[in-house]
């Protein structure tokens, strides 16, 4: 039987799974929408359990449609809505709050304080991003400031942070792996895209405990294996990427200067600048595209 790749596409409004063969042809797919939670004006949240349950359900449905078993699946790859912020308990795996979605403006007041304090340039230089509520960092700070005792628990290593890829990897591996890839890390506003590490100065400015953060690996990396009971056999989880970076790679923008546009919940234009991060003079973002076999592409 021909080996297949199971792609998990966890999006802002739905979860999708697609099985691909060696020729890149889609053999089977399934999709499921889930609830958008709107607590107030400009605020958007998701139930992390709904994200996980819908993604697991469509993965199983795709396998059923293709009439294949986990034995036939060579690996799983993840593409995910970026910047969405999930906090959960290390011991139980239970979320301590809804996911704060990339669209949410709930942490905008924190961003304004950073700008008033003159700290935006250090974020801009180190992360390639503008200071904005769009990114994960101020969402994390908002939760730590708002929920009594959460920061102390995070400092003790009891609370973990992850973007959606990290949350899926955690659940797929039964809590054995707390990890992300460079493309997702670069969208948190906490990752130094030059030194390729979580930045201690930025963590200190926002008072975010280092113990919360996942390990960062290449985009193409065997993160771990799924629990056997999920699909009937363990499957390697062998890639993770933010959805827009995944689309750029998937549409073969491998040459410097090649670009793609994606139309979804948002419209995103990404352009390959090669192994060198290019600082924008026009308020555009500089971000990591992917790292494969140790080679970085911005």
Protein backbone atom coordinates (compact mmCIF):
# COMPACT_ATOMS: atom_id res chain seq x y z
CA UNK A 1 0.00 0.00 0.00
CA UNK A 2 1.23 3.47 -0.90
CA UNK A 3 2.38 5.57 2.08
CA UNK A 4 0.40 8.75 2.74
CA UNK A 5 1.01 12.02 4.56
CA UNK A 6 -1.70 13.29 6.91
CA UNK A 7 -1.82 17.10 6.89
CA UNK A 8 -3.63 18.79 9.76
CA UNK A 9 -4.77 22.31 8.86
CA UNK A 10 -6.02 23.97 12.03
CA UNK A 11 -7.61 27.25 10.93
CA UNK A 12 -9.38 30.17 12.57
CA UNK A 13 -12.90 29.02 11.77
CA UNK A 14 -12.49 25.30 11.10
CA UNK A 15 -10.23 22.29 11.39
CA UNK A 16 -9.33 20.34 8.26
CA UNK A 17 -7.39 17.15 7.53
CA UNK A 18 -6.10 16.06 4.13
CA UNK A 19 -4.34 12.84 3.14
CA UNK A 20 -1.75 13.25 0.37
CA UNK A 21 0.02 10.58 -1.67
CA UNK A 22 3.62 10.69 -2.97
CA UNK A 23 2.54 12.67 -6.03
CA UNK A 24 1.05 15.40 -3.82
CA UNK A 25 -2.50 14.45 -4.79
CA UNK A 26 -5.21 14.81 -2.15
CA UNK A 27 -6.63 11.33 -1.55
CA UNK A 28 -9.24 12.27 1.06
CA UNK A 29 -10.18 15.22 3.26
CA UNK A 30 -12.56 16.27 6.01
CA UNK A 31 -13.46 19.62 7.57
CA UNK A 32 -15.34 20.75 10.67
CA UNK A 33 -16.22 24.25 11.86
CA UNK A 34 -16.19 25.18 15.54
CA UNK A 35 -17.52 28.02 17.68
CA UNK A 36 -16.19 31.58 17.59
CA UNK A 37 -16.45 33.06 21.09
CA UNK A 38 -16.86 36.86 21.21
CA UNK A 39 -16.68 38.07 24.84
CA UNK A 40 -16.71 41.77 23.94
CA UNK A 41 -16.03 44.30 21.18
CA UNK A 42 -12.83 43.38 19.35
CA UNK A 43 -12.32 40.25 21.48
CA UNK A 44 -12.15 36.78 19.92
CA UNK A 45 -11.62 33.49 21.73
CA UNK A 46 -11.73 29.75 21.00
CA UNK A 47 -12.28 26.77 23.27
CA UNK A 48 -8.93 24.89 23.12
CA UNK A 49 -10.74 21.58 23.64
CA UNK A 50 -12.95 22.35 20.62
CA UNK A 51 -9.81 22.99 18.57
CA UNK A 52 -8.32 19.65 19.60
CA UNK A 53 -11.52 17.61 19.37
CA UNK A 54 -12.45 18.96 15.93
CA UNK A 55 -8.91 18.40 14.61
CA UNK A 56 -8.81 14.83 15.90
CA UNK A 57 -12.28 14.13 14.51
CA UNK A 58 -11.45 15.29 10.96
CA UNK A 59 -8.16 13.35 10.99
CA UNK A 60 -10.09 10.17 11.75
CA UNK A 61 -12.73 11.03 9.14
CA UNK A 62 -10.10 11.51 6.45
CA UNK A 63 -8.63 8.09 7.23
CA UNK A 64 -12.09 6.55 7.06
CA UNK A 65 -12.84 8.22 3.72
CA UNK A 66 -9.57 6.94 2.28
CA UNK A 67 -10.29 3.48 3.71
CA UNK A 68 -6.81 3.30 5.14
CA UNK A 69 -5.33 2.72 8.58
CA UNK A 70 -2.55 4.40 10.52
CA UNK A 71 -0.20 1.72 9.16
CA UNK A 72 -0.36 3.50 5.81
CA UNK A 73 0.40 6.98 7.20
CA UNK A 74 4.11 7.78 7.05
CA UNK A 75 3.86 11.02 9.04
CA UNK A 76 1.68 13.90 10.21
CA UNK A 77 2.36 17.55 9.38
CA UNK A 78 0.68 20.53 11.05
CA UNK A 79 -0.25 23.93 9.65
CA UNK A 80 -1.97 26.22 12.14
CA UNK A 81 -3.57 29.59 12.70
CA UNK A 82 -0.71 31.70 14.02
CA UNK A 83 -0.30 33.83 17.20
CA UNK A 84 -3.39 32.38 18.90
CA UNK A 85 -2.45 31.94 22.56
CA UNK A 86 -3.34 28.96 24.77
CA UNK A 87 -2.36 28.47 28.45
CA UNK A 88 -2.76 25.04 30.07
CA UNK A 89 -1.73 23.02 33.12
CA UNK A 90 1.34 20.86 32.70
CA UNK A 91 0.06 18.10 34.99
CA UNK A 92 -3.52 17.80 33.75
CA UNK A 93 -3.34 19.21 30.22
CA UNK A 94 -6.45 21.28 31.00
CA UNK A 95 -6.63 24.82 29.59
CA UNK A 96 -6.82 27.51 32.25
CA UNK A 97 -8.52 29.98 29.87
CA UNK A 98 -9.97 30.07 26.40
CA UNK A 99 -7.50 30.56 23.57
CA UNK A 100 -7.08 34.25 22.74
CA UNK A 101 -7.24 34.38 18.95
CA UNK A 102 -4.81 36.33 16.75
CA UNK A 103 -7.65 38.67 15.75
CA UNK A 104 -8.39 39.69 19.35
CA UNK A 105 -7.57 43.27 20.39
CA UNK A 106 -7.90 42.51 24.11
CA UNK A 107 -4.23 43.27 24.83
CA UNK A 108 -4.11 46.56 22.87
CA UNK A 109 -3.74 48.66 26.08
CA UNK A 110 -0.55 46.73 26.93
CA UNK A 111 0.83 47.52 23.47
CA UNK A 112 0.08 51.20 23.95
CA UNK A 113 2.00 51.21 27.25
CA UNK A 114 5.01 49.58 25.56
CA UNK A 115 4.99 52.27 22.90
CA UNK A 116 4.59 55.09 25.43
CA UNK A 117 7.56 53.70 27.38
CA UNK A 118 9.68 53.87 24.22
CA UNK A 119 10.26 50.11 24.11
CA UNK A 120 8.89 49.36 20.64
CA UNK A 121 12.29 49.69 18.86
CA UNK A 122 13.83 46.85 20.89
CA UNK A 123 10.90 44.56 19.99
CA UNK A 124 11.11 45.67 16.36
CA UNK A 125 14.83 44.96 16.07
CA UNK A 126 14.85 41.62 17.89
CA UNK A 127 11.65 40.07 16.57
CA UNK A 128 11.12 41.83 13.21
CA UNK A 129 7.56 42.62 14.32
CA UNK A 130 5.71 45.80 15.20
CA UNK A 131 4.27 46.00 18.71
CA UNK A 132 0.66 44.99 18.23
CA UNK A 133 -2.08 43.01 20.00
CA UNK A 134 -2.04 40.66 16.99
CA UNK A 135 0.98 38.78 18.37
CA UNK A 136 1.13 36.30 21.25
CA UNK A 137 3.36 38.13 23.75
CA UNK A 138 0.89 40.71 25.03
CA UNK A 139 -1.89 38.12 25.02
CA UNK A 140 0.22 36.03 27.43
CA UNK A 141 0.87 39.06 29.63
CA UNK A 142 -2.84 39.91 29.62
CA UNK A 143 -3.68 36.44 30.96
CA UNK A 144 -0.89 36.49 33.56
CA UNK A 145 -2.03 39.91 34.78
CA UNK A 146 -5.72 39.03 34.78
CA UNK A 147 -5.87 35.54 36.35
CA UNK A 148 -5.02 35.48 40.05
CA UNK A 149 -1.97 33.35 40.85
CA UNK A 150 -1.30 32.38 37.23
CA UNK A 151 2.09 34.10 36.98
CA UNK A 152 3.33 32.42 40.19
CA UNK A 153 2.16 29.05 38.88
CA UNK A 154 3.88 29.73 35.55
CA UNK A 155 7.12 30.61 37.35
CA UNK A 156 6.94 27.23 39.12
CA UNK A 157 6.60 25.50 35.74
CA UNK A 158 2.98 24.48 36.33
CA UNK A 159 1.48 26.48 33.43
CA UNK A 160 2.51 26.09 29.79
CA UNK A 161 2.01 28.42 26.86
CA UNK A 162 1.61 27.38 23.29
CA UNK A 163 0.36 28.51 19.94
CA UNK A 164 -2.03 26.08 18.24
CA UNK A 165 0.74 23.88 16.81
CA UNK A 166 2.17 23.38 20.31
CA UNK A 167 -1.28 22.57 21.71
CA UNK A 168 -1.89 19.96 18.99
CA UNK A 169 1.57 18.38 19.40
CA UNK A 170 1.02 18.21 23.17
CA UNK A 171 -2.29 16.40 22.76
CA UNK A 172 -1.17 14.15 19.91
CA UNK A 173 1.79 12.94 22.01
CA UNK A 174 -0.18 12.61 25.22
CA UNK A 175 1.65 15.47 26.92
CA UNK A 176 5.12 14.11 26.21
CA UNK A 177 6.22 16.99 23.93
CA UNK A 178 5.99 20.76 24.54
CA UNK A 179 7.44 22.21 21.36
CA UNK A 180 7.00 24.60 18.47
CA UNK A 181 8.81 25.41 15.23
CA UNK A 182 10.79 28.51 14.31
CA UNK A 183 8.03 29.95 12.10
CA UNK A 184 5.47 29.92 14.90
CA UNK A 185 8.00 31.08 17.50
CA UNK A 186 8.86 34.07 15.33
CA UNK A 187 5.25 35.27 15.51
CA UNK A 188 5.05 35.43 19.31
CA UNK A 189 6.95 38.76 19.65
CA UNK A 190 9.24 36.97 22.12
CA UNK A 191 11.64 35.14 19.78
CA UNK A 192 14.90 36.74 18.68
CA UNK A 193 15.03 36.04 14.94
CA UNK A 194 18.76 36.86 14.78
CA UNK A 195 20.02 34.80 17.74
CA UNK A 196 17.27 32.16 17.22
CA UNK A 197 16.27 31.95 20.87
CA UNK A 198 13.64 33.19 23.31
CA UNK A 199 14.78 36.68 24.25
CA UNK A 200 15.37 37.26 27.97
CA UNK A 201 15.11 41.07 27.70
CA UNK A 202 11.69 40.89 26.06
CA UNK A 203 10.49 38.33 28.58
CA UNK A 204 11.62 40.66 31.39
CA UNK A 205 9.84 43.68 29.89
CA UNK A 206 6.56 41.74 29.79
CA UNK A 207 7.19 39.76 33.02
CA UNK A 208 6.62 36.42 31.28
CA UNK A 209 8.26 33.38 32.94
CA UNK A 210 10.68 31.52 30.68
CA UNK A 211 9.42 28.20 32.09
CA UNK A 212 6.13 28.62 30.18
CA UNK A 213 7.69 28.54 26.75
CA UNK A 214 8.06 25.50 24.45
CA UNK A 215 11.28 24.22 22.94
CA UNK A 216 11.88 25.49 19.41
CA UNK A 217 12.85 23.15 16.55
CA UNK A 218 13.20 23.15 12.77
CA UNK A 219 9.99 23.30 10.73
CA UNK A 220 10.80 19.85 9.36
CA UNK A 221 11.49 17.88 12.53
CA UNK A 222 10.21 14.70 14.15
CA UNK A 223 8.58 16.21 17.23
CA UNK A 224 7.33 12.92 18.61
CA UNK A 225 4.81 10.17 17.98
CA UNK A 226 1.06 10.10 18.46
CA UNK A 227 -0.49 8.02 21.22
CA UNK A 228 -1.27 4.58 19.71
CA UNK A 229 -4.88 4.75 20.87
CA UNK A 230 -5.65 7.87 18.80
CA UNK A 231 -5.33 6.21 15.38
CA UNK A 232 -4.64 2.56 16.21
CA UNK A 233 -0.87 2.94 15.81
CA UNK A 234 1.72 5.59 16.62
CA UNK A 235 2.42 8.04 13.77
CA UNK A 236 5.42 10.40 13.71
CA UNK A 237 4.57 14.10 13.94
CA UNK A 238 7.23 15.31 11.52
CA UNK A 239 6.50 18.94 10.59
CA UNK A 240 4.87 22.08 11.97
CA UNK A 241 4.53 25.56 10.46
CA UNK A 242 2.39 28.65 10.82
CA UNK A 243 -0.30 28.54 8.17
CA UNK A 244 1.01 31.41 6.04
CA UNK A 245 4.57 30.10 6.07
CA UNK A 246 3.25 26.63 5.25
CA UNK A 247 1.32 28.09 2.30
CA UNK A 248 4.43 29.91 1.06
CA UNK A 249 6.43 26.67 1.19
CA UNK A 250 3.56 24.66 -0.29
CA UNK A 251 3.25 27.06 -3.22
CA UNK A 252 6.98 26.54 -3.90
CA UNK A 253 8.24 30.05 -3.13
CA UNK A 254 11.77 28.69 -2.69
CA UNK A 255 13.65 31.37 -4.64
CA UNK A 256 14.56 34.75 -3.19
CA UNK A 257 11.98 37.27 -4.40
CA UNK A 258 9.21 34.74 -4.96
CA UNK A 259 5.94 35.59 -3.19
CA UNK A 260 2.42 34.33 -2.62
CA UNK A 261 -0.92 35.74 -1.56
CA UNK A 262 -3.41 33.79 0.54
CA UNK A 263 -7.10 34.66 0.91
CA UNK A 264 -8.76 33.29 4.04
CA UNK A 265 -9.96 34.85 7.27
CA UNK A 266 -7.29 37.44 6.45
CA UNK A 267 -5.31 38.32 3.31
CA UNK A 268 -1.57 37.64 3.60
CA UNK A 269 1.29 38.46 1.24
CA UNK A 270 4.62 36.76 2.01
CA UNK A 271 7.90 37.21 0.11
CA UNK A 272 11.01 35.02 0.38
CA UNK A 273 14.11 37.09 1.31
CA UNK A 274 16.44 34.10 1.61
CA UNK A 275 18.85 33.44 4.46
CA UNK A 276 19.03 37.10 5.49
CA UNK A 277 16.33 38.92 7.47
CA UNK A 278 15.53 42.20 5.68
CA UNK A 279 14.42 45.09 7.89
CA UNK A 280 11.49 47.01 6.42
CA UNK A 281 11.57 50.82 6.17
CA UNK A 282 7.81 50.87 5.55
CA UNK A 283 6.36 49.17 8.61
CA UNK A 284 6.19 45.69 7.05
CA UNK A 285 7.07 42.64 9.14
CA UNK A 286 10.29 40.62 9.01
CA UNK A 287 9.65 37.03 10.01
CA UNK A 288 11.00 33.49 9.74
CA UNK A 289 9.62 31.47 6.85
CA UNK A 290 11.00 28.02 7.74
CA UNK A 291 14.11 26.13 8.70
CA UNK A 292 14.79 22.78 7.02
CA UNK A 293 17.94 20.75 7.74
CA UNK A 294 19.31 23.71 9.66
CA UNK A 295 18.95 26.15 6.75
CA UNK A 296 16.90 29.23 7.63
CA UNK A 297 14.69 31.11 5.19
CA UNK A 298 13.19 34.52 6.06
